[in-house]
Amino acid sequence: MNRPKRQILIATGDAALRDALFAVLNDPFETVNASSCNDALALLYEKKDILALVLLDLALSDMPSMDLLRRITDDPLLMRI
């Protein structure tokens, strides 16, 4: 049985940056995108078993990105990402 391809979460509100990172990283990885911290948090829980890396823009507008980073590092379900 094949394991799912590891994914990279790109969390940025900057569409041009998101598109550029997608173009560079989407082969050989799969990428998923979030334009807000809340979207990123939802994707983190949904895909926690296949995410390998999170690229987090520190200027997201819906919550301080450092708060999201703390939530990731404090949550046993997410800290392995």
Protein backbone atom coordinates (compact mmCIF):
# COMPACT_ATOMS: atom_id res chain seq x y z
CA MET A 1 0.00 0.00 0.00
CA ASN A 2 1.39 3.39 -0.98
CA ARG A 3 1.73 6.04 1.69
CA PRO A 4 0.26 9.44 0.87
CA LYS A 5 2.71 12.02 -0.40
CA ARG A 6 3.97 14.34 2.36
CA GLN A 7 2.55 17.82 2.15
CA ILE A 8 3.72 21.36 2.85
CA LEU A 9 1.29 23.91 4.25
CA ILE A 10 1.82 27.40 2.84
CA ALA A 11 0.11 29.93 5.11
CA THR A 12 0.24 33.45 3.68
CA GLY A 13 -2.26 36.11 2.75
CA ASP A 14 -0.05 37.20 -0.12
CA ALA A 15 -1.45 35.47 -3.21
CA ALA A 16 1.65 36.20 -5.32
CA LEU A 17 3.94 34.67 -2.70
CA ARG A 18 1.63 31.67 -2.33
CA ASP A 19 1.66 31.13 -6.11
CA ALA A 20 5.46 31.45 -6.28
CA LEU A 21 5.98 28.97 -3.44
CA PHE A 22 3.50 26.58 -5.04
CA ALA A 23 5.40 26.75 -8.33
CA VAL A 24 8.72 25.95 -6.64
CA LEU A 25 7.58 23.36 -4.09
CA ASN A 26 4.70 21.50 -5.70
CA ASP A 27 7.07 19.08 -7.38
CA PRO A 28 8.15 16.81 -5.67
CA PHE A 29 5.85 17.79 -2.76
CA GLU A 30 2.16 18.42 -2.59
CA THR A 31 1.23 21.78 -1.17
CA VAL A 32 -1.88 23.01 0.60
CA ASN A 33 -2.62 26.68 1.04
CA ALA A 34 -4.16 28.82 3.75
CA SER A 35 -4.72 32.56 3.56
CA SER A 36 -5.38 33.03 7.30
CA CYS A 37 -4.28 31.62 10.64
CA ASN A 38 -7.72 30.13 11.21
CA ASP A 39 -7.63 28.37 7.84
CA ALA A 40 -4.11 27.16 8.59
CA LEU A 41 -5.16 25.81 11.99
CA ALA A 42 -8.06 23.90 10.45
CA LEU A 43 -5.74 22.38 7.83
CA LEU A 44 -3.17 21.51 10.48
CA TYR A 45 -5.67 19.36 12.34
CA GLU A 46 -7.18 17.91 9.18
CA LYS A 47 -3.82 16.93 7.65
CA LYS A 48 -1.65 16.48 10.75
CA ASP A 49 -0.60 12.97 9.70
CA ILE A 50 0.70 13.95 6.27
CA LEU A 51 2.06 17.47 6.77
CA ALA A 52 5.85 17.62 6.80
CA LEU A 53 6.40 21.38 6.94
CA VAL A 54 4.57 24.63 7.60
CA LEU A 55 5.67 27.86 5.93
CA LEU A 56 4.02 30.53 8.07
CA ASP A 57 3.80 34.18 7.06
CA LEU A 58 4.27 36.26 10.20
CA ALA A 59 1.96 38.97 8.84
CA LEU A 60 -1.35 37.13 8.63
CA SER A 61 -4.23 39.36 9.65
CA ASP A 62 -6.82 37.29 11.53
CA MET A 63 -4.64 36.47 14.56
CA PRO A 64 -1.01 37.02 15.47
CA SER A 65 1.00 34.38 13.61
CA MET A 66 3.15 33.85 16.71
CA ASP A 67 -0.03 32.74 18.53
CA LEU A 68 -0.57 30.11 15.84
CA LEU A 69 3.06 29.03 16.16
CA ARG A 70 2.62 28.66 19.94
CA ARG A 71 -0.52 26.58 19.41
CA ILE A 72 1.39 24.28 17.08
CA THR A 73 4.30 23.82 19.48
CA ASP A 74 2.06 23.40 22.55
CA ASP A 75 -0.34 20.86 21.02
CA PRO A 76 0.88 17.24 21.18
CA LEU A 77 -1.12 16.45 18.03
CA LEU A 78 0.66 19.15 16.02
CA MET A 79 4.12 19.51 17.53
CA ARG A 80 5.64 16.74 15.41
CA ILE A 81 5.03 18.69 12.18
